[in-house]
Amino acid sequence: MAGESHDDTDALLAPFDDDIVAAVAARMDTTVAALRDLLRRHQRSARDFPGVDNLVYEWRKYLPYDPVVARTDGAFHCVVLPEVWGDFADSLDIDDRDFEQLLTVHDRQARHDAEARGGSTEVFDGATAMLLTRS
């Protein structure tokens, strides 16, 4: 993206473990580079929408539950309604295959991070995880 440095684009992927991205890419028959680009596009769209902090504020205000499962220096770990993901898929103009790749990376990363924190992954069962890079 014009005006964005290499460090900025790497920061967009900070919450995502390289091994998880590679495993999902291999499983879903895509390249790591293509999947990383898709993840960057999603993170940029969250920043461009109203901004990550504003998105989280709005979700907390209007959803019938607190969507934030964890907050780190680098990211919000959220559980969102499928419609929220659908809005992102529409704004990104991605096909079902790309959409499934995004959902899978976010789910695997969220579960991995919850386990690393010593927490439960149950909150992600039957739900859709979304990690948003904090700006």
N, C-alpha and C. Protein backbone atom coordinates (compact mmCIF):
# COMPACT_ATOMS: atom_id res chain seq x y z
N MET A 1 0.85 -1.17 0.00
CA MET A 1 0.00 0.00 0.00
C MET A 1 0.89 1.23 0.00
N ALA A 2 0.54 2.22 -0.80
CA ALA A 2 1.34 3.44 -0.91
C ALA A 2 1.42 4.13 0.44
N GLY A 3 2.61 4.62 0.77
CA GLY A 3 2.80 5.34 2.01
C GLY A 3 3.00 4.45 3.23
N GLU A 4 2.94 3.15 3.03
CA GLU A 4 3.11 2.23 4.15
C GLU A 4 4.49 1.60 4.05
N SER A 5 5.25 1.68 5.13
CA SER A 5 6.60 1.12 5.12
C SER A 5 6.56 -0.39 5.30
N HIS A 6 7.69 -1.03 5.04
CA HIS A 6 7.80 -2.48 5.25
C HIS A 6 7.52 -2.83 6.70
N ASP A 7 8.01 -1.99 7.63
CA ASP A 7 7.76 -2.24 9.05
C ASP A 7 6.27 -2.19 9.38
N ASP A 8 5.53 -1.25 8.72
CA ASP A 8 4.09 -1.15 8.95
C ASP A 8 3.37 -2.41 8.49
N THR A 9 3.76 -2.94 7.33
CA THR A 9 3.08 -4.13 6.83
C THR A 9 3.42 -5.34 7.69
N ASP A 10 4.65 -5.42 8.19
CA ASP A 10 5.01 -6.51 9.09
C ASP A 10 4.24 -6.40 10.40
N ALA A 11 4.03 -5.18 10.88
CA ALA A 11 3.28 -4.98 12.12
C ALA A 11 1.84 -5.47 11.99
N LEU A 12 1.29 -5.40 10.79
CA LEU A 12 -0.07 -5.89 10.57
C LEU A 12 -0.19 -7.39 10.84
N LEU A 13 0.92 -8.09 10.68
CA LEU A 13 0.91 -9.55 10.86
C LEU A 13 1.47 -9.99 12.21
N ALA A 14 1.79 -9.05 13.08
CA ALA A 14 2.42 -9.36 14.36
C ALA A 14 1.68 -10.43 15.17
N PRO A 15 0.35 -10.44 15.22
CA PRO A 15 -0.31 -11.46 16.04
C PRO A 15 -0.31 -12.87 15.46
N PHE A 16 0.15 -13.01 14.22
CA PHE A 16 0.03 -14.29 13.53
C PHE A 16 1.36 -15.03 13.51
N ASP A 17 1.36 -16.23 14.06
CA ASP A 17 2.53 -17.08 14.12
C ASP A 17 2.84 -17.63 12.73
N ASP A 18 4.10 -17.51 12.32
CA ASP A 18 4.51 -17.98 10.99
C ASP A 18 4.18 -19.45 10.77
N ASP A 19 4.36 -20.27 11.80
CA ASP A 19 4.08 -21.70 11.66
C ASP A 19 2.60 -21.98 11.43
N ILE A 20 1.75 -21.21 12.09
CA ILE A 20 0.30 -21.38 11.90
C ILE A 20 -0.09 -20.95 10.49
N VAL A 21 0.43 -19.81 10.05
CA VAL A 21 0.14 -19.35 8.69
C VAL A 21 0.60 -20.38 7.67
N ALA A 22 1.79 -20.91 7.85
CA ALA A 22 2.33 -21.92 6.92
C ALA A 22 1.48 -23.19 6.92
N ALA A 23 1.06 -23.64 8.10
CA ALA A 23 0.25 -24.86 8.19
C ALA A 23 -1.11 -24.67 7.50
N VAL A 24 -1.72 -23.52 7.71
CA VAL A 24 -3.01 -23.25 7.07
C VAL A 24 -2.83 -23.14 5.56
N ALA A 25 -1.78 -22.47 5.13
CA ALA A 25 -1.52 -22.34 3.69
C ALA A 25 -1.36 -23.72 3.06
N ALA A 26 -0.60 -24.59 3.69
CA ALA A 26 -0.39 -25.93 3.15
C ALA A 26 -1.69 -26.73 3.11
N ARG A 27 -2.45 -26.64 4.18
CA ARG A 27 -3.71 -27.39 4.27
C ARG A 27 -4.73 -26.90 3.26
N MET A 28 -4.70 -25.60 2.97
CA MET A 28 -5.73 -25.03 2.11
C MET A 28 -5.22 -24.77 0.69
N ASP A 29 -4.07 -25.35 0.37
CA ASP A 29 -3.54 -25.32 -0.99
C ASP A 29 -3.38 -23.89 -1.53
N THR A 30 -2.68 -23.08 -0.74
CA THR A 30 -2.32 -21.74 -1.17
C THR A 30 -0.88 -21.51 -0.75
N THR A 31 -0.33 -20.38 -1.12
CA THR A 31 1.03 -20.07 -0.71
C THR A 31 1.02 -19.25 0.57
N VAL A 32 2.11 -19.32 1.29
CA VAL A 32 2.26 -18.51 2.50
C VAL A 32 2.17 -17.03 2.12
N ALA A 33 2.81 -16.64 1.04
CA ALA A 33 2.80 -15.23 0.61
C ALA A 33 1.38 -14.76 0.32
N ALA A 34 0.59 -15.58 -0.37
CA ALA A 34 -0.79 -15.19 -0.69
C ALA A 34 -1.63 -15.08 0.58
N LEU A 35 -1.44 -16.00 1.52
CA LEU A 35 -2.20 -15.96 2.76
C LEU A 35 -1.79 -14.76 3.61
N ARG A 36 -0.50 -14.47 3.66
CA ARG A 36 -0.04 -13.29 4.41
C ARG A 36 -0.61 -12.01 3.79
N ASP A 37 -0.67 -11.95 2.47
CA ASP A 37 -1.26 -10.79 1.80
C ASP A 37 -2.74 -10.64 2.16
N LEU A 38 -3.45 -11.74 2.18
CA LEU A 38 -4.86 -11.72 2.56
C LEU A 38 -5.04 -11.24 4.00
N LEU A 39 -4.19 -11.71 4.90
CA LEU A 39 -4.23 -11.25 6.29
C LEU A 39 -3.94 -9.76 6.39
N ARG A 40 -2.97 -9.28 5.63
CA ARG A 40 -2.66 -7.85 5.62
C ARG A 40 -3.86 -7.04 5.14
N ARG A 41 -4.49 -7.49 4.08
CA ARG A 41 -5.65 -6.77 3.53
C ARG A 41 -6.76 -6.67 4.58
N HIS A 42 -6.99 -7.77 5.30
CA HIS A 42 -8.02 -7.75 6.34
C HIS A 42 -7.66 -6.75 7.44
N GLN A 43 -6.41 -6.78 7.90
CA GLN A 43 -5.98 -5.87 8.96
C GLN A 43 -6.06 -4.41 8.50
N ARG A 44 -5.67 -4.16 7.26
CA ARG A 44 -5.79 -2.79 6.73
C ARG A 44 -7.24 -2.34 6.69
N SER A 45 -8.13 -3.24 6.28
CA SER A 45 -9.53 -2.84 6.18
C SER A 45 -10.10 -2.52 7.56
N ALA A 46 -9.66 -3.23 8.59
CA ALA A 46 -10.11 -2.92 9.96
C ALA A 46 -9.60 -1.55 10.38
N ARG A 47 -8.38 -1.24 10.02
CA ARG A 47 -7.81 0.07 10.35
C ARG A 47 -8.50 1.19 9.57
N ASP A 48 -8.85 0.90 8.32
CA ASP A 48 -9.46 1.91 7.47
C ASP A 48 -10.95 2.10 7.74
N PHE A 49 -11.60 1.05 8.22
CA PHE A 49 -13.04 1.10 8.47
C PHE A 49 -13.30 2.30 9.38
N PRO A 50 -13.43 2.15 10.67
CA PRO A 50 -13.37 3.30 11.54
C PRO A 50 -12.12 3.26 12.42
N GLY A 51 -11.28 2.27 12.21
CA GLY A 51 -10.11 2.07 13.07
C GLY A 51 -10.39 0.94 14.04
N VAL A 52 -9.35 0.25 14.43
CA VAL A 52 -9.49 -0.93 15.28
C VAL A 52 -10.11 -0.59 16.63
N ASP A 53 -9.60 0.44 17.29
CA ASP A 53 -10.15 0.79 18.61
C ASP A 53 -11.62 1.16 18.52
N ASN A 54 -12.00 1.88 17.46
CA ASN A 54 -13.40 2.25 17.28
C ASN A 54 -14.27 1.04 16.98
N LEU A 55 -13.76 0.12 16.18
CA LEU A 55 -14.51 -1.12 15.90
C LEU A 55 -14.79 -1.87 17.19
N VAL A 56 -13.77 -2.05 17.99
CA VAL A 56 -13.93 -2.79 19.24
C VAL A 56 -14.90 -2.06 20.17
N TYR A 57 -14.80 -0.74 20.23
CA TYR A 57 -15.73 0.05 21.04
C TYR A 57 -17.17 -0.17 20.58
N GLU A 58 -17.39 -0.11 19.27
CA GLU A 58 -18.74 -0.29 18.73
C GLU A 58 -19.26 -1.70 19.00
N TRP A 59 -18.41 -2.69 18.83
CA TRP A 59 -18.84 -4.07 19.12
C TRP A 59 -19.22 -4.22 20.58
N ARG A 60 -18.42 -3.64 21.46
CA ARG A 60 -18.72 -3.74 22.90
C ARG A 60 -20.04 -3.04 23.23
N LYS A 61 -20.33 -2.01 22.50
CA LYS A 61 -21.53 -1.23 22.75
C LYS A 61 -22.79 -1.94 22.23
N TYR A 62 -22.69 -2.57 21.07
CA TYR A 62 -23.88 -3.08 20.41
C TYR A 62 -24.07 -4.59 20.45
N LEU A 63 -23.01 -5.35 20.64
CA LEU A 63 -23.17 -6.80 20.71
C LEU A 63 -23.71 -7.17 22.09
N PRO A 64 -24.46 -8.27 22.17
CA PRO A 64 -25.04 -8.66 23.45
C PRO A 64 -24.04 -9.30 24.41
N TYR A 65 -22.76 -9.22 24.09
CA TYR A 65 -21.71 -9.79 24.93
C TYR A 65 -20.43 -8.99 24.67
N ASP A 66 -19.45 -9.13 25.53
CA ASP A 66 -18.16 -8.48 25.30
C ASP A 66 -17.36 -9.36 24.33
N PRO A 67 -17.08 -8.85 23.13
CA PRO A 67 -16.40 -9.67 22.13
C PRO A 67 -14.91 -9.86 22.39
N VAL A 68 -14.33 -9.07 23.30
CA VAL A 68 -12.89 -9.15 23.53
C VAL A 68 -12.58 -10.27 24.51
N VAL A 69 -11.89 -11.28 24.00
CA VAL A 69 -11.48 -12.43 24.82
C VAL A 69 -10.17 -12.11 25.52
N ALA A 70 -9.28 -11.42 24.81
CA ALA A 70 -7.99 -11.02 25.37
C ALA A 70 -7.51 -9.78 24.64
N ARG A 71 -6.72 -9.01 25.36
CA ARG A 71 -6.13 -7.81 24.79
C ARG A 71 -4.65 -7.84 25.15
N THR A 72 -3.83 -7.77 24.12
CA THR A 72 -2.38 -7.73 24.33
C THR A 72 -1.87 -6.39 23.82
N ASP A 73 -0.58 -6.15 24.00
CA ASP A 73 -0.01 -4.92 23.45
C ASP A 73 -0.17 -4.87 21.94
N GLY A 74 -0.20 -6.03 21.29
CA GLY A 74 -0.23 -6.07 19.84
C GLY A 74 -1.56 -6.32 19.19
N ALA A 75 -2.54 -6.86 19.94
CA ALA A 75 -3.79 -7.24 19.26
C ALA A 75 -4.95 -7.38 20.23
N PHE A 76 -6.14 -7.23 19.66
CA PHE A 76 -7.37 -7.63 20.33
C PHE A 76 -7.70 -9.03 19.83
N HIS A 77 -8.02 -9.93 20.74
CA HIS A 77 -8.46 -11.28 20.40
C HIS A 77 -9.96 -11.30 20.68
N CYS A 78 -10.74 -11.42 19.62
CA CYS A 78 -12.19 -11.28 19.74
C CYS A 78 -12.94 -12.51 19.27
N VAL A 79 -14.17 -12.60 19.73
CA VAL A 79 -15.15 -13.54 19.21
C VAL A 79 -16.28 -12.68 18.66
N VAL A 80 -16.54 -12.83 17.37
CA VAL A 80 -17.54 -11.98 16.73
C VAL A 80 -18.62 -12.83 16.07
N LEU A 81 -19.73 -12.19 15.79
CA LEU A 81 -20.81 -12.85 15.07
C LEU A 81 -20.38 -13.13 13.64
N PRO A 82 -20.89 -14.19 13.04
CA PRO A 82 -20.54 -14.48 11.64
C PRO A 82 -20.83 -13.30 10.71
N GLU A 83 -21.85 -12.52 11.03
CA GLU A 83 -22.19 -11.37 10.19
C GLU A 83 -21.06 -10.33 10.15
N VAL A 84 -20.33 -10.22 11.26
CA VAL A 84 -19.20 -9.28 11.30
C VAL A 84 -18.15 -9.72 10.29
N TRP A 85 -17.83 -11.00 10.31
CA TRP A 85 -16.87 -11.52 9.33
C TRP A 85 -17.42 -11.34 7.92
N GLY A 86 -18.72 -11.56 7.75
CA GLY A 86 -19.33 -11.38 6.43
C GLY A 86 -19.16 -9.97 5.91
N ASP A 87 -19.29 -8.99 6.80
CA ASP A 87 -19.08 -7.59 6.39
C ASP A 87 -17.65 -7.37 5.90
N PHE A 88 -16.69 -7.95 6.61
CA PHE A 88 -15.30 -7.82 6.17
C PHE A 88 -15.09 -8.51 4.83
N ALA A 89 -15.65 -9.70 4.66
CA ALA A 89 -15.50 -10.42 3.39
C ALA A 89 -16.07 -9.60 2.24
N ASP A 90 -17.22 -8.97 2.49
CA ASP A 90 -17.82 -8.12 1.45
C ASP A 90 -16.94 -6.93 1.13
N SER A 91 -16.41 -6.28 2.16
CA SER A 91 -15.59 -5.09 1.92
C SER A 91 -14.27 -5.44 1.25
N LEU A 92 -13.77 -6.64 1.51
CA LEU A 92 -12.53 -7.10 0.88
C LEU A 92 -12.78 -7.68 -0.51
N ASP A 93 -14.04 -7.95 -0.83
CA ASP A 93 -14.43 -8.54 -2.11
C ASP A 93 -13.65 -9.84 -2.36
N ILE A 94 -13.74 -10.74 -1.38
CA ILE A 94 -13.02 -12.01 -1.50
C ILE A 94 -14.00 -13.15 -1.76
N ASP A 95 -13.49 -14.21 -2.34
CA ASP A 95 -14.33 -15.38 -2.62
C ASP A 95 -14.41 -16.28 -1.39
N ASP A 96 -15.21 -17.32 -1.50
CA ASP A 96 -15.43 -18.23 -0.36
C ASP A 96 -14.14 -18.91 0.08
N ARG A 97 -13.29 -19.23 -0.85
CA ARG A 97 -12.02 -19.90 -0.52
C ARG A 97 -11.13 -19.00 0.34
N ASP A 98 -10.98 -17.74 -0.09
CA ASP A 98 -10.19 -16.79 0.70
C ASP A 98 -10.83 -16.54 2.06
N PHE A 99 -12.15 -16.46 2.08
CA PHE A 99 -12.87 -16.24 3.33
C PHE A 99 -12.58 -17.39 4.31
N GLU A 100 -12.63 -18.61 3.81
CA GLU A 100 -12.36 -19.78 4.66
C GLU A 100 -10.91 -19.76 5.16
N GLN A 101 -10.00 -19.32 4.34
CA GLN A 101 -8.59 -19.22 4.76
C GLN A 101 -8.45 -18.23 5.91
N LEU A 102 -9.08 -17.07 5.78
CA LEU A 102 -9.02 -16.07 6.86
C LEU A 102 -9.60 -16.62 8.15
N LEU A 103 -10.79 -17.21 8.06
CA LEU A 103 -11.42 -17.76 9.25
C LEU A 103 -10.54 -18.81 9.93
N THR A 104 -9.92 -19.66 9.12
CA THR A 104 -9.10 -20.74 9.66
C THR A 104 -7.86 -20.21 10.37
N VAL A 105 -7.16 -19.26 9.76
CA VAL A 105 -5.97 -18.69 10.41
C VAL A 105 -6.35 -18.02 11.73
N HIS A 106 -7.40 -17.21 11.71
CA HIS A 106 -7.81 -16.51 12.93
C HIS A 106 -8.22 -17.50 14.02
N ASP A 107 -8.95 -18.54 13.65
CA ASP A 107 -9.38 -19.53 14.63
C ASP A 107 -8.19 -20.27 15.23
N ARG A 108 -7.31 -20.74 14.38
CA ARG A 108 -6.14 -21.48 14.89
C ARG A 108 -5.25 -20.60 15.76
N GLN A 109 -5.05 -19.36 15.34
CA GLN A 109 -4.19 -18.46 16.11
C GLN A 109 -4.84 -18.13 17.45
N ALA A 110 -6.13 -17.86 17.45
CA ALA A 110 -6.83 -17.53 18.69
C ALA A 110 -6.78 -18.69 19.68
N ARG A 111 -6.98 -19.89 19.19
CA ARG A 111 -6.92 -21.07 20.06
C ARG A 111 -5.50 -21.29 20.59
N HIS A 112 -4.53 -21.14 19.72
CA HIS A 112 -3.12 -21.29 20.13
C HIS A 112 -2.78 -20.29 21.23
N ASP A 113 -3.16 -19.03 21.02
CA ASP A 113 -2.84 -17.99 22.00
C ASP A 113 -3.57 -18.20 23.32
N ALA A 114 -4.82 -18.64 23.25
CA ALA A 114 -5.57 -18.91 24.49
C ALA A 114 -4.88 -20.00 25.29
N GLU A 115 -4.46 -21.06 24.62
CA GLU A 115 -3.75 -22.14 25.31
C GLU A 115 -2.42 -21.65 25.88
N ALA A 116 -1.72 -20.80 25.13
CA ALA A 116 -0.44 -20.26 25.60
C ALA A 116 -0.62 -19.40 26.85
N ARG A 117 -1.78 -18.74 26.96
CA ARG A 117 -2.08 -17.93 28.15
C ARG A 117 -2.59 -18.79 29.30
N GLY A 118 -2.75 -20.09 29.05
CA GLY A 118 -3.29 -20.97 30.07
C GLY A 118 -4.80 -20.91 30.16
N GLY A 119 -5.42 -20.35 29.13
CA GLY A 119 -6.87 -20.20 29.13
C GLY A 119 -7.57 -21.31 28.36
N SER A 120 -8.87 -21.24 28.38
CA SER A 120 -9.70 -22.21 27.68
C SER A 120 -9.94 -21.77 26.24
N THR A 121 -10.12 -22.73 25.37
CA THR A 121 -10.47 -22.43 23.97
C THR A 121 -11.97 -22.59 23.73
N GLU A 122 -12.71 -22.92 24.77
CA GLU A 122 -14.15 -23.17 24.61
C GLU A 122 -14.90 -21.98 24.04
N VAL A 123 -14.47 -20.78 24.34
CA VAL A 123 -15.15 -19.59 23.85
C VAL A 123 -15.18 -19.55 22.32
N PHE A 124 -14.25 -20.24 21.69
CA PHE A 124 -14.18 -20.25 20.23
C PHE A 124 -14.99 -21.38 19.60
N ASP A 125 -15.48 -22.31 20.41
CA ASP A 125 -16.28 -23.41 19.88
C ASP A 125 -17.61 -22.87 19.35
N GLY A 126 -17.88 -23.10 18.09
CA GLY A 126 -19.12 -22.63 17.48
C GLY A 126 -19.17 -21.13 17.28
N ALA A 127 -18.03 -20.47 17.38
CA ALA A 127 -17.97 -19.02 17.23
C ALA A 127 -16.90 -18.67 16.19
N THR A 128 -16.80 -17.41 15.86
CA THR A 128 -15.79 -16.98 14.91
C THR A 128 -14.80 -16.05 15.59
N ALA A 129 -13.55 -16.46 15.57
CA ALA A 129 -12.48 -15.68 16.18
C ALA A 129 -12.00 -14.62 15.20
N MET A 130 -11.58 -13.49 15.74
CA MET A 130 -10.96 -12.45 14.92
C MET A 130 -9.89 -11.77 15.75
N LEU A 131 -8.68 -11.74 15.21
CA LEU A 131 -7.59 -11.01 15.84
C LEU A 131 -7.40 -9.72 15.07
N LEU A 132 -7.37 -8.62 15.78
CA LEU A 132 -7.17 -7.32 15.16
C LEU A 132 -5.90 -6.68 15.72
N THR A 133 -5.01 -6.35 14.82
CA THR A 133 -3.76 -5.71 15.21
C THR A 133 -4.06 -4.34 15.77
N ARG A 134 -3.53 -4.07 16.95
CA ARG A 134 -3.73 -2.75 17.55
C ARG A 134 -2.76 -1.77 16.92
N SER A 135 -3.26 -0.59 16.66
CA SER A 135 -2.40 0.41 16.02
C SER A 135 -1.65 1.24 17.01
